[in-house]
Amino acid sequence: MEKIAPHKGKLLVSEPNIIGDDSFSRSVVLVTEYNQDGVVGFILNKRLEYTLDQLIPEIDAQLDIYAGGPVDRDNLYFLHNIPELIPGSHLIEDDIYWGGDFGIVSELIKQNKITGSEIRFFLGYSGWEIHQLENELQGNSWVVCENTSASELLALDTFDIWKNHMRELGGKYELWSNAPDNPQYN
């Protein structure tokens, strides 16, 4: 298996040996920033039990909220694929953008001009100092993968994304694709 260098737009797929870490066990993180200051990303497959309207009652839309990571969990972040509607958006890769004017996002949702397949909300984010991530990669905590679903990433049901990446990686990883979350349950 060819090693891929981490950078913006790539996926960090947690190694199966990350057990007991509520944030990162069986996680897939989209890297949204990678520079000398550090790395920022959002966990794509940890849907929370509440929706946007429960966090912001004035927005009457039951859009899913995901746990983006263990950092700054009091703040709401979003990824989207509609930069033409959301000023201040930052390109991550292909058709995925980060952030922008939340006031406009709120109005567009109220007017039913944004759907759940165009935007994804996160509480918190995942962050590393640049050397911290490098150490975790050398310690076999993560596998860096291409984001082959970039154009449709926000519309995907990401429940099985970790399992699917284990299968794609093959070899020793394929065995883990059907293992229980906690091997003690086996």
C-alpha atoms as a PDB file:
ATOM      1  CA  MET A   1       0.000   0.000   0.000  1.00  0.00           C
ATOM      2  CA  GLU A   2       1.401   3.346  -1.088  1.00  0.00           C
ATOM      3  CA  LYS A   3       1.621   5.955   1.683  1.00  0.00           C
ATOM      4  CA  ILE A   4      -0.142   9.232   0.977  1.00  0.00           C
ATOM      5  CA  ALA A   5       1.040  12.461   2.557  1.00  0.00           C
ATOM      6  CA  PRO A   6      -1.567  14.319   4.587  1.00  0.00           C
ATOM      7  CA  HIS A   7      -2.768  17.661   3.306  1.00  0.00           C
ATOM      8  CA  LYS A   8      -5.919  19.678   2.733  1.00  0.00           C
ATOM      9  CA  GLY A   9      -8.694  17.626   1.140  1.00  0.00           C
ATOM     10  CA  LYS A  10      -7.337  14.224   2.199  1.00  0.00           C
ATOM     11  CA  LEU A  11      -9.022  11.884   4.663  1.00  0.00           C
ATOM     12  CA  LEU A  12      -7.541  10.647   7.916  1.00  0.00           C
ATOM     13  CA  VAL A  13      -8.937   7.189   8.625  1.00  0.00           C
ATOM     14  CA  SER A  14      -8.381   5.999  12.181  1.00  0.00           C
ATOM     15  CA  GLU A  15      -6.432   2.792  12.573  1.00  0.00           C
ATOM     16  CA  PRO A  16      -8.379  -0.075  14.179  1.00  0.00           C
ATOM     17  CA  ASN A  17      -6.069   0.099  17.195  1.00  0.00           C
ATOM     18  CA  ILE A  18      -7.683   3.357  18.377  1.00  0.00           C
ATOM     19  CA  ILE A  19     -10.087   1.748  20.840  1.00  0.00           C
ATOM     20  CA  GLY A  20     -11.732   3.538  23.735  1.00  0.00           C
ATOM     21  CA  ASP A  21     -11.253   7.039  22.297  1.00  0.00           C
ATOM     22  CA  ASP A  22     -14.812   8.326  21.926  1.00  0.00           C
ATOM     23  CA  SER A  23     -13.776  11.033  19.467  1.00  0.00           C
ATOM     24  CA  PHE A  24     -11.499   9.143  17.134  1.00  0.00           C
ATOM     25  CA  SER A  25     -12.293   5.428  17.362  1.00  0.00           C
ATOM     26  CA  ARG A  26     -13.529   4.395  13.893  1.00  0.00           C
ATOM     27  CA  SER A  27     -13.419   7.978  12.666  1.00  0.00           C
ATOM     28  CA  VAL A  28     -12.882   9.442   9.231  1.00  0.00           C
ATOM     29  CA  VAL A  29     -11.664  13.040   9.281  1.00  0.00           C
ATOM     30  CA  LEU A  30     -11.708  15.405   6.309  1.00  0.00           C
ATOM     31  CA  VAL A  31      -8.597  17.599   6.517  1.00  0.00           C
ATOM     32  CA  THR A  32      -9.702  21.180   5.877  1.00  0.00           C
ATOM     33  CA  GLU A  33      -6.469  22.990   6.716  1.00  0.00           C
ATOM     34  CA  TYR A  34      -2.876  21.781   6.647  1.00  0.00           C
ATOM     35  CA  ASN A  35      -0.005  24.222   7.048  1.00  0.00           C
ATOM     36  CA  GLN A  36       2.976  25.067   9.260  1.00  0.00           C
ATOM     37  CA  ASP A  37       0.583  26.220  12.016  1.00  0.00           C
ATOM     38  CA  GLY A  38      -1.180  22.879  12.246  1.00  0.00           C
ATOM     39  CA  VAL A  39      -3.982  20.719  10.949  1.00  0.00           C
ATOM     40  CA  VAL A  40      -7.750  21.199  11.170  1.00  0.00           C
ATOM     41  CA  GLY A  41     -10.399  18.732  10.117  1.00  0.00           C
ATOM     42  CA  PHE A  42     -13.909  17.488  10.786  1.00  0.00           C
ATOM     43  CA  ILE A  43     -15.022  13.977  11.708  1.00  0.00           C
ATOM     44  CA  LEU A  44     -17.492  12.959   9.006  1.00  0.00           C
ATOM     45  CA  ASN A  45     -19.113   9.929  10.597  1.00  0.00           C
ATOM     46  CA  LYS A  46     -20.084  10.828  14.176  1.00  0.00           C
ATOM     47  CA  ARG A  47     -23.668  12.026  13.885  1.00  0.00           C
ATOM     48  CA  LEU A  48     -25.063  13.484  17.091  1.00  0.00           C
ATOM     49  CA  GLU A  49     -28.531  12.805  18.508  1.00  0.00           C
ATOM     50  CA  TYR A  50     -29.911  16.270  17.853  1.00  0.00           C
ATOM     51  CA  THR A  51     -30.599  18.479  14.865  1.00  0.00           C
ATOM     52  CA  LEU A  52     -29.973  22.093  13.901  1.00  0.00           C
ATOM     53  CA  ASP A  53     -33.410  23.286  15.017  1.00  0.00           C
ATOM     54  CA  GLN A  54     -32.702  21.952  18.509  1.00  0.00           C
ATOM     55  CA  LEU A  55     -29.505  24.024  18.719  1.00  0.00           C
ATOM     56  CA  ILE A  56     -30.870  27.122  17.001  1.00  0.00           C
ATOM     57  CA  PRO A  57     -34.662  27.245  17.487  1.00  0.00           C
ATOM     58  CA  GLU A  58     -35.125  30.170  15.091  1.00  0.00           C
ATOM     59  CA  ILE A  59     -33.967  27.868  12.259  1.00  0.00           C
ATOM     60  CA  ASP A  60     -36.834  25.460  11.726  1.00  0.00           C
ATOM     61  CA  ALA A  61     -34.870  22.740   9.931  1.00  0.00           C
ATOM     62  CA  GLN A  62     -34.063  19.267  11.144  1.00  0.00           C
ATOM     63  CA  LEU A  63     -30.583  19.107   9.613  1.00  0.00           C
ATOM     64  CA  ASP A  64     -28.163  16.648  11.196  1.00  0.00           C
ATOM     65  CA  ILE A  65     -25.325  17.784  13.441  1.00  0.00           C
ATOM     66  CA  TYR A  66     -22.045  15.876  13.626  1.00  0.00           C
ATOM     67  CA  ALA A  67     -19.322  15.824  16.262  1.00  0.00           C
ATOM     68  CA  GLY A  68     -16.514  17.487  14.321  1.00  0.00           C
ATOM     69  CA  GLY A  69     -13.928  16.697  16.961  1.00  0.00           C
ATOM     70  CA  PRO A  70     -12.906  17.312  20.534  1.00  0.00           C
ATOM     71  CA  VAL A  71     -11.788  20.941  20.079  1.00  0.00           C
ATOM     72  CA  ASP A  72     -14.099  23.928  20.584  1.00  0.00           C
ATOM     73  CA  ARG A  73     -17.282  21.856  20.956  1.00  0.00           C
ATOM     74  CA  ASP A  74     -19.296  24.946  21.848  1.00  0.00           C
ATOM     75  CA  ASN A  75     -19.036  26.301  18.304  1.00  0.00           C
ATOM     76  CA  LEU A  76     -20.939  25.307  15.187  1.00  0.00           C
ATOM     77  CA  TYR A  77     -19.015  24.870  11.922  1.00  0.00           C
ATOM     78  CA  PHE A  78     -20.177  23.854   8.475  1.00  0.00           C
ATOM     79  CA  LEU A  79     -18.994  22.403   5.187  1.00  0.00           C
ATOM     80  CA  HIS A  80     -20.942  22.950   1.975  1.00  0.00           C
ATOM     81  CA  ASN A  81     -20.871  22.816  -1.814  1.00  0.00           C
ATOM     82  CA  ILE A  82     -22.702  26.069  -2.591  1.00  0.00           C
ATOM     83  CA  PRO A  83     -20.090  28.863  -2.470  1.00  0.00           C
ATOM     84  CA  GLU A  84     -22.084  30.899  -4.982  1.00  0.00           C
ATOM     85  CA  LEU A  85     -24.786  31.314  -2.296  1.00  0.00           C
ATOM     86  CA  ILE A  86     -22.543  31.692   0.776  1.00  0.00           C
ATOM     87  CA  PRO A  87     -20.103  34.617   0.780  1.00  0.00           C
ATOM     88  CA  GLY A  88     -16.833  34.106   2.641  1.00  0.00           C
ATOM     89  CA  SER A  89     -16.552  30.401   1.801  1.00  0.00           C
ATOM     90  CA  HIS A  90     -13.086  28.808   1.780  1.00  0.00           C
ATOM     91  CA  LEU A  91     -12.272  26.163  -0.829  1.00  0.00           C
ATOM     92  CA  ILE A  92     -10.998  22.887   0.627  1.00  0.00           C
ATOM     93  CA  GLU A  93     -10.972  20.681  -2.455  1.00  0.00           C
ATOM     94  CA  ASP A  94     -12.980  20.204  -5.629  1.00  0.00           C
ATOM     95  CA  ASP A  95     -16.539  20.989  -4.624  1.00  0.00           C
ATOM     96  CA  ILE A  96     -16.170  21.225  -0.822  1.00  0.00           C
ATOM     97  CA  TYR A  97     -16.078  24.545   1.007  1.00  0.00           C
ATOM     98  CA  TRP A  98     -15.700  25.483   4.657  1.00  0.00           C
ATOM     99  CA  GLY A  99     -17.593  28.246   6.437  1.00  0.00           C
ATOM    100  CA  GLY A 100     -18.916  31.538   5.203  1.00  0.00           C
ATOM    101  CA  ASP A 101     -21.547  34.025   6.303  1.00  0.00           C
ATOM    102  CA  PHE A 102     -23.770  32.143   8.777  1.00  0.00           C
ATOM    103  CA  GLY A 103     -26.436  34.867   8.697  1.00  0.00           C
ATOM    104  CA  ILE A 104     -26.950  34.170   5.005  1.00  0.00           C
ATOM    105  CA  VAL A 105     -26.880  30.397   5.633  1.00  0.00           C
ATOM    106  CA  SER A 106     -29.605  30.838   8.232  1.00  0.00           C
ATOM    107  CA  GLU A 107     -31.786  32.848   5.821  1.00  0.00           C
ATOM    108  CA  LEU A 108     -31.243  30.364   2.973  1.00  0.00           C
ATOM    109  CA  ILE A 109     -32.280  27.468   5.220  1.00  0.00           C
ATOM    110  CA  LYS A 110     -35.398  29.353   6.343  1.00  0.00           C
ATOM    111  CA  GLN A 111     -36.268  29.916   2.659  1.00  0.00           C
ATOM    112  CA  ASN A 112     -35.701  26.204   1.873  1.00  0.00           C
ATOM    113  CA  LYS A 113     -32.881  27.099  -0.529  1.00  0.00           C
ATOM    114  CA  ILE A 114     -30.337  24.794   1.151  1.00  0.00           C
ATOM    115  CA  THR A 115     -30.808  21.060   1.593  1.00  0.00           C
ATOM    116  CA  GLY A 116     -29.042  18.581   3.840  1.00  0.00           C
ATOM    117  CA  SER A 117     -27.146  17.205   0.837  1.00  0.00           C
ATOM    118  CA  GLU A 118     -25.512  20.618   0.275  1.00  0.00           C
ATOM    119  CA  ILE A 119     -24.377  21.430   3.809  1.00  0.00           C
ATOM    120  CA  ARG A 120     -23.186  19.563   6.881  1.00  0.00           C
ATOM    121  CA  PHE A 121     -22.953  21.024  10.398  1.00  0.00           C
ATOM    122  CA  PHE A 122     -20.413  20.132  13.083  1.00  0.00           C
ATOM    123  CA  LEU A 123     -20.008  20.910  16.749  1.00  0.00           C
ATOM    124  CA  GLY A 124     -16.303  21.279  17.372  1.00  0.00           C
ATOM    125  CA  TYR A 125     -13.397  20.324  15.171  1.00  0.00           C
ATOM    126  CA  SER A 126     -10.339  18.107  15.163  1.00  0.00           C
ATOM    127  CA  GLY A 127      -7.012  19.880  15.472  1.00  0.00           C
ATOM    128  CA  TRP A 128      -3.351  18.979  15.695  1.00  0.00           C
ATOM    129  CA  GLU A 129      -0.081  20.813  15.825  1.00  0.00           C
ATOM    130  CA  ILE A 130       1.813  19.847  12.688  1.00  0.00           C
ATOM    131  CA  HIS A 131       4.343  17.653  14.534  1.00  0.00           C
ATOM    132  CA  GLN A 132       1.589  16.101  16.650  1.00  0.00           C
ATOM    133  CA  LEU A 133      -0.163  14.670  13.601  1.00  0.00           C
ATOM    134  CA  GLU A 134       3.148  13.511  12.122  1.00  0.00           C
ATOM    135  CA  ASN A 135       3.857  11.635  15.372  1.00  0.00           C
ATOM    136  CA  GLU A 136       0.395  10.055  15.316  1.00  0.00           C
ATOM    137  CA  LEU A 137       0.920   8.964  11.701  1.00  0.00           C
ATOM    138  CA  GLN A 138       4.286   7.415  12.580  1.00  0.00           C
ATOM    139  CA  GLY A 139       2.640   5.739  15.582  1.00  0.00           C
ATOM    140  CA  ASN A 140       0.096   4.121  13.247  1.00  0.00           C
ATOM    141  CA  SER A 141      -2.947   5.945  14.610  1.00  0.00           C
ATOM    142  CA  TRP A 142      -4.105   7.097  11.165  1.00  0.00           C
ATOM    143  CA  VAL A 143      -4.034   6.105   7.523  1.00  0.00           C
ATOM    144  CA  VAL A 144      -4.160   8.942   4.994  1.00  0.00           C
ATOM    145  CA  CYS A 145      -6.535   8.249   2.093  1.00  0.00           C
ATOM    146  CA  GLU A 146      -7.617  10.050  -1.036  1.00  0.00           C
ATOM    147  CA  ASN A 147     -11.047  11.614  -0.868  1.00  0.00           C
ATOM    148  CA  THR A 148     -12.533   9.786  -3.832  1.00  0.00           C
ATOM    149  CA  SER A 149     -16.065  10.994  -3.008  1.00  0.00           C
ATOM    150  CA  ALA A 150     -15.278  14.708  -2.771  1.00  0.00           C
ATOM    151  CA  SER A 151     -18.024  15.897  -5.112  1.00  0.00           C
ATOM    152  CA  GLU A 152     -20.717  13.893  -3.302  1.00  0.00           C
ATOM    153  CA  LEU A 153     -19.265  13.766   0.199  1.00  0.00           C
ATOM    154  CA  LEU A 154     -21.915  15.955   1.826  1.00  0.00           C
ATOM    155  CA  ALA A 155     -24.770  13.897   0.382  1.00  0.00           C
ATOM    156  CA  LEU A 156     -23.319  10.554   1.490  1.00  0.00           C
ATOM    157  CA  ASP A 157     -24.635   8.652   4.460  1.00  0.00           C
ATOM    158  CA  THR A 158     -21.311   8.410   6.263  1.00  0.00           C
ATOM    159  CA  PHE A 159     -22.393   5.802   8.810  1.00  0.00           C
ATOM    160  CA  ASP A 160     -20.324   3.061   7.100  1.00  0.00           C
ATOM    161  CA  ILE A 161     -17.535   5.267   5.730  1.00  0.00           C
ATOM    162  CA  TRP A 162     -14.920   3.876   8.156  1.00  0.00           C
ATOM    163  CA  LYS A 163     -15.919   0.288   7.429  1.00  0.00           C
ATOM    164  CA  ASN A 164     -15.819   0.956   3.678  1.00  0.00           C
ATOM    165  CA  HIS A 165     -12.317   2.431   3.918  1.00  0.00           C
ATOM    166  CA  MET A 166     -11.140  -0.623   5.863  1.00  0.00           C
ATOM    167  CA  ARG A 167     -12.385  -2.803   3.007  1.00  0.00           C
ATOM    168  CA  GLU A 168     -10.748  -0.584   0.382  1.00  0.00           C
ATOM    169  CA  LEU A 169      -7.425  -0.667   2.219  1.00  0.00           C
ATOM    170  CA  GLY A 170      -7.615  -4.471   2.142  1.00  0.00           C
ATOM    171  CA  GLY A 171      -5.091  -6.799   3.714  1.00  0.00           C
ATOM    172  CA  LYS A 172      -5.013  -6.578   7.500  1.00  0.00           C
ATOM    173  CA  TYR A 173      -7.630  -3.808   7.433  1.00  0.00           C
ATOM    174  CA  GLU A 174     -10.326  -5.844   5.722  1.00  0.00           C
ATOM    175  CA  LEU A 175     -10.676  -8.083   8.777  1.00  0.00           C
ATOM    176  CA  TRP A 176     -11.547  -5.033  10.887  1.00  0.00           C
ATOM    177  CA  SER A 177     -14.365  -3.927   8.591  1.00  0.00           C
ATOM    178  CA  ASN A 178     -16.812  -6.353  10.239  1.00  0.00           C
ATOM    179  CA  ALA A 179     -15.359  -6.434  13.751  1.00  0.00           C
ATOM    180  CA  PRO A 180     -17.568  -5.074  16.560  1.00  0.00           C
ATOM    181  CA  ASP A 181     -16.864  -1.575  17.891  1.00  0.00           C
ATOM    182  CA  ASN A 182     -15.545  -3.119  21.062  1.00  0.00           C
ATOM    183  CA  PRO A 183     -13.685  -6.426  20.498  1.00  0.00           C
ATOM    184  CA  GLN A 184     -14.728  -7.543  24.013  1.00  0.00           C
ATOM    185  CA  TYR A 185     -18.290  -7.862  22.655  1.00  0.00           C
ATOM    186  CA  ASN A 186     -17.166 -10.549  20.243  1.00  0.00           C
END
